[in-house]
C-alpha atoms as a PDB file:
ATOM      1  CA  MET A   1      -0.084   0.216   0.001  1.00  0.00           C
ATOM      2  CA  MET A   2       1.379   3.223  -1.098  1.00  0.00           C
ATOM      3  CA  LYS A   3       1.879   6.027   1.306  1.00  0.00           C
ATOM      4  CA  LEU A   4       3.016   9.415  -0.356  1.00  0.00           C
ATOM      5  CA  LEU A   5       2.730  13.140   1.259  1.00  0.00           C
ATOM      6  CA  LEU A   6       2.953  15.493  -1.991  1.00  0.00           C
ATOM      7  CA  ILE A   7       3.439  19.145  -0.837  1.00  0.00           C
ATOM      8  CA  SER A   8       3.491  22.316  -2.781  1.00  0.00           C
ATOM      9  CA  ASN A   9       6.073  24.181  -1.494  1.00  0.00           C
ATOM     10  CA  SER A  10       8.457  24.067   1.047  1.00  0.00           C
ATOM     11  CA  THR A  11       8.388  27.468   2.675  1.00  0.00           C
ATOM     12  CA  ASN A  12       5.825  30.014   2.504  1.00  0.00           C
ATOM     13  CA  PHE A  13       7.321  33.772   2.419  1.00  0.00           C
ATOM     14  CA  GLY A  14       8.350  35.108   5.578  1.00  0.00           C
ATOM     15  CA  GLU A  15       8.208  31.464   7.547  1.00  0.00           C
ATOM     16  CA  PRO A  16      11.590  29.284   7.976  1.00  0.00           C
ATOM     17  CA  TYR A  17      12.101  26.648   5.774  1.00  0.00           C
ATOM     18  CA  LEU A  18       9.649  23.655   5.992  1.00  0.00           C
ATOM     19  CA  ALA A  19       7.526  25.522   8.818  1.00  0.00           C
ATOM     20  CA  TRP A  20       4.488  25.710   7.223  1.00  0.00           C
ATOM     21  CA  CYS A  21       4.031  21.750   6.782  1.00  0.00           C
ATOM     22  CA  GLN A  22       5.870  20.937  10.071  1.00  0.00           C
ATOM     23  CA  THR A  23       2.760  19.089  11.612  1.00  0.00           C
ATOM     24  CA  GLN A  24       1.875  17.854   7.961  1.00  0.00           C
ATOM     25  CA  ILE A  25       5.576  15.389   7.778  1.00  0.00           C
ATOM     26  CA  GLU A  26       5.249  14.953  11.336  1.00  0.00           C
ATOM     27  CA  MET A  27       1.601  13.578  11.328  1.00  0.00           C
ATOM     28  CA  PHE A  28       2.965  11.485   8.141  1.00  0.00           C
ATOM     29  CA  CYS A  29       5.853   9.986   9.854  1.00  0.00           C
ATOM     30  CA  LEU A  30       4.004   9.306  13.258  1.00  0.00           C
ATOM     31  CA  GLN A  31       1.116   7.542  11.240  1.00  0.00           C
ATOM     32  CA  ASN A  32       3.524   5.374   8.952  1.00  0.00           C
ATOM     33  CA  ASN A  33       6.220   4.145  11.912  1.00  0.00           C
ATOM     34  CA  ILE A  34       8.944   6.319  10.780  1.00  0.00           C
ATOM     35  CA  LYS A  35      10.807   7.033  14.129  1.00  0.00           C
ATOM     36  CA  THR A  36      13.472   9.039  15.416  1.00  0.00           C
ATOM     37  CA  ASN A  37      16.439   6.625  14.276  1.00  0.00           C
ATOM     38  CA  SER A  38      14.692   5.663  11.046  1.00  0.00           C
ATOM     39  CA  LYS A  39      17.082   5.090   8.101  1.00  0.00           C
ATOM     40  CA  ILE A  40      15.618   8.383   5.722  1.00  0.00           C
ATOM     41  CA  ALA A  41      16.722   8.496   2.098  1.00  0.00           C
ATOM     42  CA  PHE A  42      17.110  12.312   0.569  1.00  0.00           C
ATOM     43  CA  VAL A  43      17.331  12.941  -2.826  1.00  0.00           C
ATOM     44  CA  PRO A  44      19.012  16.458  -3.622  1.00  0.00           C
ATOM     45  CA  PHE A  45      19.256  16.785  -6.941  1.00  0.00           C
ATOM     46  CA  ALA A  46      16.897  19.433  -7.976  1.00  0.00           C
ATOM     47  CA  GLY A  47      18.924  21.614  -5.485  1.00  0.00           C
ATOM     48  CA  VAL A  48      21.368  23.134  -8.370  1.00  0.00           C
ATOM     49  CA  ASN A  49      21.894  26.528  -6.038  1.00  0.00           C
ATOM     50  CA  ILE A  50      20.972  26.202  -2.638  1.00  0.00           C
ATOM     51  CA  GLY A  51      22.690  29.063   0.010  1.00  0.00           C
ATOM     52  CA  GLY A  52      24.876  30.708  -3.015  1.00  0.00           C
ATOM     53  CA  ASN A  53      26.395  27.191  -3.864  1.00  0.00           C
ATOM     54  CA  ALA A  54      26.161  26.235  -7.507  1.00  0.00           C
ATOM     55  CA  TYR A  55      26.212  22.074  -8.665  1.00  0.00           C
ATOM     56  CA  PRO A  56      27.167  19.760  -7.238  1.00  0.00           C
ATOM     57  CA  LYS A  57      28.336  21.773  -4.249  1.00  0.00           C
ATOM     58  CA  SER A  58      24.667  22.430  -3.664  1.00  0.00           C
ATOM     59  CA  TYR A  59      23.632  18.842  -2.640  1.00  0.00           C
ATOM     60  CA  ASP A  60      26.074  19.352   0.410  1.00  0.00           C
ATOM     61  CA  ALA A  61      24.281  22.494   1.253  1.00  0.00           C
ATOM     62  CA  TYR A  62      20.597  21.512   0.670  1.00  0.00           C
ATOM     63  CA  GLU A  63      21.466  18.005   3.155  1.00  0.00           C
ATOM     64  CA  GLN A  64      22.566  20.483   5.471  1.00  0.00           C
ATOM     65  CA  ARG A  65      19.355  22.763   5.144  1.00  0.00           C
ATOM     66  CA  VAL A  66      16.952  19.884   5.580  1.00  0.00           C
ATOM     67  CA  GLN A  67      19.292  17.775   7.896  1.00  0.00           C
ATOM     68  CA  ASN A  68      19.420  20.803  10.235  1.00  0.00           C
ATOM     69  CA  VAL A  69      15.433  20.932  10.852  1.00  0.00           C
ATOM     70  CA  PHE A  70      14.797  17.265  10.823  1.00  0.00           C
ATOM     71  CA  LYS A  71      17.220  17.114  13.587  1.00  0.00           C
ATOM     72  CA  ASN A  72      14.969  20.271  15.294  1.00  0.00           C
ATOM     73  CA  TRP A  73      11.830  17.313  14.869  1.00  0.00           C
ATOM     74  CA  GLY A  74      13.710  14.404  16.392  1.00  0.00           C
ATOM     75  CA  PHE A  75      14.910  12.328  13.401  1.00  0.00           C
ATOM     76  CA  LYS A  76      18.805  12.062  13.430  1.00  0.00           C
ATOM     77  CA  ASN A  77      19.300   9.805  10.410  1.00  0.00           C
ATOM     78  CA  LEU A  78      19.061  11.686   7.229  1.00  0.00           C
ATOM     79  CA  HIS A  79      21.569  11.329   4.669  1.00  0.00           C
ATOM     80  CA  SER A  80      21.919  12.569   1.212  1.00  0.00           C
ATOM     81  CA  ILE A  81      21.914   9.861  -1.530  1.00  0.00           C
ATOM     82  CA  HIS A  82      24.449  11.696  -3.277  1.00  0.00           C
ATOM     83  CA  HIS A  83      27.322  10.897  -0.892  1.00  0.00           C
ATOM     84  CA  ALA A  84      26.687   7.141  -1.883  1.00  0.00           C
ATOM     85  CA  LYS A  85      28.470   5.409  -4.257  1.00  0.00           C
ATOM     86  CA  ASP A  86      25.829   2.879  -4.503  1.00  0.00           C
ATOM     87  CA  LYS A  87      22.522   5.041  -5.044  1.00  0.00           C
ATOM     88  CA  LYS A  88      20.522   2.160  -5.706  1.00  0.00           C
ATOM     89  CA  ALA A  89      21.929   0.507  -2.399  1.00  0.00           C
ATOM     90  CA  ALA A  90      21.204   4.006  -0.577  1.00  0.00           C
ATOM     91  CA  ILE A  91      17.477   3.688  -1.830  1.00  0.00           C
ATOM     92  CA  GLU A  92      17.117  -0.014  -0.988  1.00  0.00           C
ATOM     93  CA  LYS A  93      18.302   0.629   2.846  1.00  0.00           C
ATOM     94  CA  ALA A  94      15.819   3.552   3.091  1.00  0.00           C
ATOM     95  CA  ASP A  95      12.982   3.511   5.680  1.00  0.00           C
ATOM     96  CA  CYS A  96      11.562   6.556   3.855  1.00  0.00           C
ATOM     97  CA  ILE A  97      12.880   8.495   0.698  1.00  0.00           C
ATOM     98  CA  ILE A  98      12.585  12.472   0.618  1.00  0.00           C
ATOM     99  CA  VAL A  99      12.822  14.185  -2.703  1.00  0.00           C
ATOM    100  CA  GLY A 100      13.487  18.131  -2.369  1.00  0.00           C
ATOM    101  CA  GLY A 101      12.026  20.435  -4.627  1.00  0.00           C
ATOM    102  CA  GLY A 102      14.476  22.589  -7.045  1.00  0.00           C
ATOM    103  CA  ASN A 103      14.718  22.141 -10.466  1.00  0.00           C
ATOM    104  CA  THR A 104      12.413  19.672 -11.812  1.00  0.00           C
ATOM    105  CA  PHE A 105      14.361  18.899 -15.377  1.00  0.00           C
ATOM    106  CA  HIS A 106      18.085  18.654 -12.806  1.00  0.00           C
ATOM    107  CA  LEU A 107      15.873  16.263 -10.637  1.00  0.00           C
ATOM    108  CA  VAL A 108      14.606  14.201 -13.470  1.00  0.00           C
ATOM    109  CA  ALA A 109      17.663  14.029 -15.358  1.00  0.00           C
ATOM    110  CA  GLU A 110      19.975  12.651 -12.487  1.00  0.00           C
ATOM    111  CA  LEU A 111      16.855  10.262 -11.359  1.00  0.00           C
ATOM    112  CA  HIS A 112      17.606   8.997 -14.644  1.00  0.00           C
ATOM    113  CA  ASN A 113      21.108   9.213 -14.966  1.00  0.00           C
ATOM    114  CA  TYR A 114      21.477   6.846 -11.984  1.00  0.00           C
ATOM    115  CA  ALA A 115      18.609   4.963 -13.157  1.00  0.00           C
ATOM    116  CA  LEU A 116      16.840   5.813  -9.968  1.00  0.00           C
ATOM    117  CA  MET A 117      13.456   6.050 -11.006  1.00  0.00           C
ATOM    118  CA  ASP A 118      12.297   2.159 -11.336  1.00  0.00           C
ATOM    119  CA  VAL A 119      14.323   1.599  -7.846  1.00  0.00           C
ATOM    120  CA  ILE A 120      12.271   4.179  -6.015  1.00  0.00           C
ATOM    121  CA  ALA A 121       8.907   3.605  -7.685  1.00  0.00           C
ATOM    122  CA  ASP A 122       9.771   0.146  -6.630  1.00  0.00           C
ATOM    123  CA  LYS A 123       9.936   0.854  -3.130  1.00  0.00           C
ATOM    124  CA  VAL A 124       7.247   3.226  -2.291  1.00  0.00           C
ATOM    125  CA  LYS A 125       4.553   1.096  -4.483  1.00  0.00           C
ATOM    126  CA  LYS A 126       5.647  -2.036  -1.695  1.00  0.00           C
ATOM    127  CA  GLY A 127       5.051   0.557   0.734  1.00  0.00           C
ATOM    128  CA  VAL A 128       8.265   2.300   1.930  1.00  0.00           C
ATOM    129  CA  PRO A 129       6.178   5.833   2.561  1.00  0.00           C
ATOM    130  CA  TYR A 130       7.516   9.192   0.390  1.00  0.00           C
ATOM    131  CA  ILE A 131       7.658  12.645   1.106  1.00  0.00           C
ATOM    132  CA  GLY A 132       7.981  15.397  -2.056  1.00  0.00           C
ATOM    133  CA  TRP A 133       7.854  18.938  -2.209  1.00  0.00           C
ATOM    134  CA  SER A 134       7.795  20.920  -5.197  1.00  0.00           C
ATOM    135  CA  ALA A 135       9.931  19.416  -7.858  1.00  0.00           C
ATOM    136  CA  GLY A 136       9.686  15.932  -5.385  1.00  0.00           C
ATOM    137  CA  SER A 137       5.758  16.329  -5.661  1.00  0.00           C
ATOM    138  CA  ASN A 138       5.829  16.440  -9.665  1.00  0.00           C
ATOM    139  CA  VAL A 139       7.794  13.787 -10.268  1.00  0.00           C
ATOM    140  CA  ALA A 140       5.941  11.750  -8.049  1.00  0.00           C
ATOM    141  CA  CYS A 141       3.458  11.936 -11.696  1.00  0.00           C
ATOM    142  CA  PRO A 142       3.581  10.021 -14.610  1.00  0.00           C
ATOM    143  CA  THR A 143       5.973  13.078 -16.375  1.00  0.00           C
ATOM    144  CA  LEU A 144       7.282  16.452 -15.653  1.00  0.00           C
ATOM    145  CA  CYS A 145       5.481  18.199 -18.164  1.00  0.00           C
ATOM    146  CA  THR A 146       3.273  20.369 -15.595  1.00  0.00           C
ATOM    147  CA  THR A 147       6.268  21.677 -14.062  1.00  0.00           C
ATOM    148  CA  ASN A 148       7.073  25.299 -13.442  1.00  0.00           C
ATOM    149  CA  ASP A 149      10.686  25.054 -14.090  1.00  0.00           C
ATOM    150  CA  MET A 150      13.185  26.460 -16.679  1.00  0.00           C
ATOM    151  CA  PRO A 151      14.633  23.384 -18.533  1.00  0.00           C
ATOM    152  CA  ILE A 152      18.486  24.012 -17.523  1.00  0.00           C
ATOM    153  CA  VAL A 153      19.597  20.376 -18.624  1.00  0.00           C
ATOM    154  CA  GLN A 154      17.886  17.642 -21.210  1.00  0.00           C
ATOM    155  CA  PRO A 155      16.660  14.420 -18.979  1.00  0.00           C
ATOM    156  CA  LYS A 156      17.074  11.419 -20.975  1.00  0.00           C
ATOM    157  CA  SER A 157      13.158  11.415 -20.475  1.00  0.00           C
ATOM    158  CA  PHE A 158      10.180  13.221 -19.431  1.00  0.00           C
ATOM    159  CA  ASP A 159       8.905  10.016 -17.796  1.00  0.00           C
ATOM    160  CA  THR A 160       8.960  10.315 -14.396  1.00  0.00           C
ATOM    161  CA  LEU A 161       7.773   7.830 -11.129  1.00  0.00           C
ATOM    162  CA  ASN A 162       4.241   7.224 -12.254  1.00  0.00           C
ATOM    163  CA  LEU A 163       2.792   6.809  -8.664  1.00  0.00           C
ATOM    164  CA  VAL A 164       0.015   8.846  -9.132  1.00  0.00           C
ATOM    165  CA  PRO A 165      -2.451   8.583 -12.688  1.00  0.00           C
ATOM    166  CA  PHE A 166      -2.659  12.534 -12.603  1.00  0.00           C
ATOM    167  CA  GLN A 167      -0.030  15.221 -13.115  1.00  0.00           C
ATOM    168  CA  ILE A 168       0.282  18.247 -10.538  1.00  0.00           C
ATOM    169  CA  ASN A 169       1.411  21.555 -11.086  1.00  0.00           C
ATOM    170  CA  PRO A 170       2.716  23.056  -7.558  1.00  0.00           C
ATOM    171  CA  HIS A 171       3.034  26.437  -6.729  1.00  0.00           C
ATOM    172  CA  TYR A 172      -0.475  27.000  -8.596  1.00  0.00           C
ATOM    173  CA  LEU A 173      -1.213  30.614  -8.786  1.00  0.00           C
ATOM    174  CA  ASP A 174      -4.174  32.406  -9.677  1.00  0.00           C
ATOM    175  CA  PRO A 175      -4.577  35.240 -12.327  1.00  0.00           C
ATOM    176  CA  THR A 176      -4.209  38.598 -10.228  1.00  0.00           C
ATOM    177  CA  PRO A 177      -5.916  41.949 -10.571  1.00  0.00           C
ATOM    178  CA  GLU A 178      -3.016  44.365 -12.320  1.00  0.00           C
ATOM    179  CA  ILE A 179      -2.135  46.631  -9.337  1.00  0.00           C
ATOM    180  CA  ASP A 180      -0.386  49.499 -11.534  1.00  0.00           C
ATOM    181  CA  LYS A 181      -3.212  50.119 -14.484  1.00  0.00           C
ATOM    182  CA  MET A 182      -0.289  51.617 -16.533  1.00  0.00           C
ATOM    183  CA  VAL A 183       1.717  47.655 -15.970  1.00  0.00           C
ATOM    184  CA  LYS A 184       0.258  45.228 -17.643  1.00  0.00           C
ATOM    185  CA  HIS A 185       1.586  41.709 -17.764  1.00  0.00           C
ATOM    186  CA  GLY A 186       1.181  40.521 -21.677  1.00  0.00           C
ATOM    187  CA  GLY A 187       2.352  37.171 -20.970  1.00  0.00           C
ATOM    188  CA  GLU A 188       0.480  33.470 -20.193  1.00  0.00           C
ATOM    189  CA  THR A 189      -1.350  32.663 -17.039  1.00  0.00           C
ATOM    190  CA  ARG A 190      -0.814  29.372 -15.525  1.00  0.00           C
ATOM    191  CA  GLN A 191      -3.726  28.409 -16.494  1.00  0.00           C
ATOM    192  CA  ASP A 192      -2.808  29.506 -19.577  1.00  0.00           C
ATOM    193  CA  ARG A 193       0.143  26.949 -19.960  1.00  0.00           C
ATOM    194  CA  LEU A 194      -2.113  24.332 -18.144  1.00  0.00           C
ATOM    195  CA  ASN A 195      -4.301  24.752 -20.763  1.00  0.00           C
ATOM    196  CA  GLU A 196      -2.019  24.117 -23.530  1.00  0.00           C
ATOM    197  CA  TYR A 197      -0.622  21.185 -22.150  1.00  0.00           C
ATOM    198  CA  MET A 198      -4.132  19.494 -22.012  1.00  0.00           C
ATOM    199  CA  ALA A 199      -5.074  20.511 -25.501  1.00  0.00           C
ATOM    200  CA  VAL A 200      -1.887  17.957 -26.292  1.00  0.00           C
ATOM    201  CA  ASN A 201      -2.984  15.672 -23.511  1.00  0.00           C
ATOM    202  CA  GLN A 202      -6.764  15.658 -23.212  1.00  0.00           C
ATOM    203  CA  LYS A 203      -7.474  12.941 -21.266  1.00  0.00           C
ATOM    204  CA  LYS A 204      -4.825  14.181 -18.521  1.00  0.00           C
ATOM    205  CA  VAL A 205      -6.187  15.637 -15.102  1.00  0.00           C
ATOM    206  CA  VAL A 206      -3.914  18.079 -13.766  1.00  0.00           C
ATOM    207  CA  VAL A 207      -4.213  19.090 -10.290  1.00  0.00           C
ATOM    208  CA  GLY A 208      -3.128  22.805  -9.344  1.00  0.00           C
ATOM    209  CA  LEU A 209      -1.819  22.664  -5.886  1.00  0.00           C
ATOM    210  CA  ARG A 210      -1.757  26.559  -4.669  1.00  0.00           C
ATOM    211  CA  GLU A 211       0.778  27.130  -1.841  1.00  0.00           C
ATOM    212  CA  ALA A 212       0.433  26.012   1.467  1.00  0.00           C
ATOM    213  CA  CYS A 213      -1.607  23.000   1.106  1.00  0.00           C
ATOM    214  CA  ALA A 214      -0.721  18.663   0.140  1.00  0.00           C
ATOM    215  CA  LEU A 215      -1.890  15.869  -1.099  1.00  0.00           C
ATOM    216  CA  TRP A 216      -1.552  12.974   1.508  1.00  0.00           C
ATOM    217  CA  ILE A 217      -2.311   9.145  -0.119  1.00  0.00           C
ATOM    218  CA  ASN A 218      -2.931   6.014   1.825  1.00  0.00           C
ATOM    219  CA  GLY A 219      -3.508   3.309  -0.343  1.00  0.00           C
ATOM    220  CA  LYS A 220      -6.676   4.164  -2.410  1.00  0.00           C
ATOM    221  CA  LYS A 221      -7.346   7.052   0.169  1.00  0.00           C
ATOM    222  CA  MET A 222      -6.301  10.605  -0.775  1.00  0.00           C
ATOM    223  CA  PHE A 223      -7.013  13.306   1.100  1.00  0.00           C
ATOM    224  CA  LEU A 224      -6.387  17.226   0.813  1.00  0.00           C
ATOM    225  CA  ARG A 225      -4.131  18.836   3.597  1.00  0.00           C
ATOM    226  CA  GLY A 226      -3.481  22.517   4.440  1.00  0.00           C
ATOM    227  CA  GLY A 227      -4.736  25.700   4.012  1.00  0.00           C
ATOM    228  CA  LYS A 228      -5.952  26.224   0.812  1.00  0.00           C
ATOM    229  CA  LYS A 229      -8.456  24.948  -2.161  1.00  0.00           C
ATOM    230  CA  MET A 230      -6.697  22.909  -4.939  1.00  0.00           C
ATOM    231  CA  ILE A 231      -8.525  23.112  -8.584  1.00  0.00           C
ATOM    232  CA  VAL A 232      -8.729  20.365 -10.587  1.00  0.00           C
ATOM    233  CA  PHE A 233      -8.127  20.998 -14.502  1.00  0.00           C
ATOM    234  CA  GLN A 234      -9.986  18.455 -17.019  1.00  0.00           C
ATOM    235  CA  TYR A 235      -9.958  18.687 -20.892  1.00  0.00           C
ATOM    236  CA  GLY A 236     -13.023  20.389 -22.533  1.00  0.00           C
ATOM    237  CA  LYS A 237     -14.426  21.222 -18.174  1.00  0.00           C
ATOM    238  CA  GLU A 238     -14.360  24.278 -16.369  1.00  0.00           C
ATOM    239  CA  PRO A 239     -11.943  23.705 -13.772  1.00  0.00           C
ATOM    240  CA  TYR A 240     -13.195  23.228 -10.158  1.00  0.00           C
ATOM    241  CA  GLU A 241     -11.582  23.429  -6.925  1.00  0.00           C
ATOM    242  CA  ILE A 242     -11.901  21.331  -3.776  1.00  0.00           C
ATOM    243  CA  GLU A 243     -11.937  22.847  -0.244  1.00  0.00           C
ATOM    244  CA  PRO A 244      -9.001  21.499   2.318  1.00  0.00           C
ATOM    245  CA  GLY A 245      -9.898  18.565   4.276  1.00  0.00           C
ATOM    246  CA  SER A 246     -11.553  17.206   1.588  1.00  0.00           C
ATOM    247  CA  ASP A 247     -11.551  13.046   0.417  1.00  0.00           C
ATOM    248  CA  VAL A 248      -9.864  13.615  -3.193  1.00  0.00           C
ATOM    249  CA  SER A 249      -9.504   9.612  -3.662  1.00  0.00           C
ATOM    250  CA  LYS A 250     -11.341   9.804  -6.991  1.00  0.00           C
ATOM    251  CA  LEU A 251      -8.116  11.353  -8.856  1.00  0.00           C
ATOM    252  CA  LEU A 252      -6.554   7.728  -8.097  1.00  0.00           C
ATOM    253  CA  LYS A 253      -8.861   5.912  -9.973  1.00  0.00           C
END
């Protein structure tokens, strides 16, 4: 039975790192028997520029950032897989897998380069808990195609973990009224871009995860957590919104 926590964003404006989702992560760990000494494998490959450190040194900085937060929560055995000579073995030994946010294209490229897509997917399908935020949520989908990120590298494939049957657009932003009437945005809105995706992928469902919300999956059940509504897009239909706390298991079918 799969257990996933798919978080839209790590940090709300003006708040400490992972602060808004602390309760979600701690509850998820508690429910899924992730203990303070459990082996947590962190995947840092989306972090190409962390704390002013460029890739690959950014991986060390990313690991440190996440370790510091999790240690404050009592989890003492979180380590980044970039240190491991055998990265597949590091995943195989993990009691929990965490995939951090950043650039989705780089994350996907590295997961393919190290042949980790199937390894991670198999572990999660066998019941190992998975936590992802931003790009880490995006790769739980069939493809990366609904990311917001710039393609800074070319992955071997756009295919990702395929743990859920729908696409996620993390950090979903609604169109906002122009504050300054003298300056108008002439480009596409987020919904315009997603409409383009659906125009050529008409059978796909896209979930727009606004910041400060997450999807909690336990087997065949899925709930929307956090403080924001999410929005669901399907080709040829009006988008519809779902209230926080709702059972959204139908999207897993």
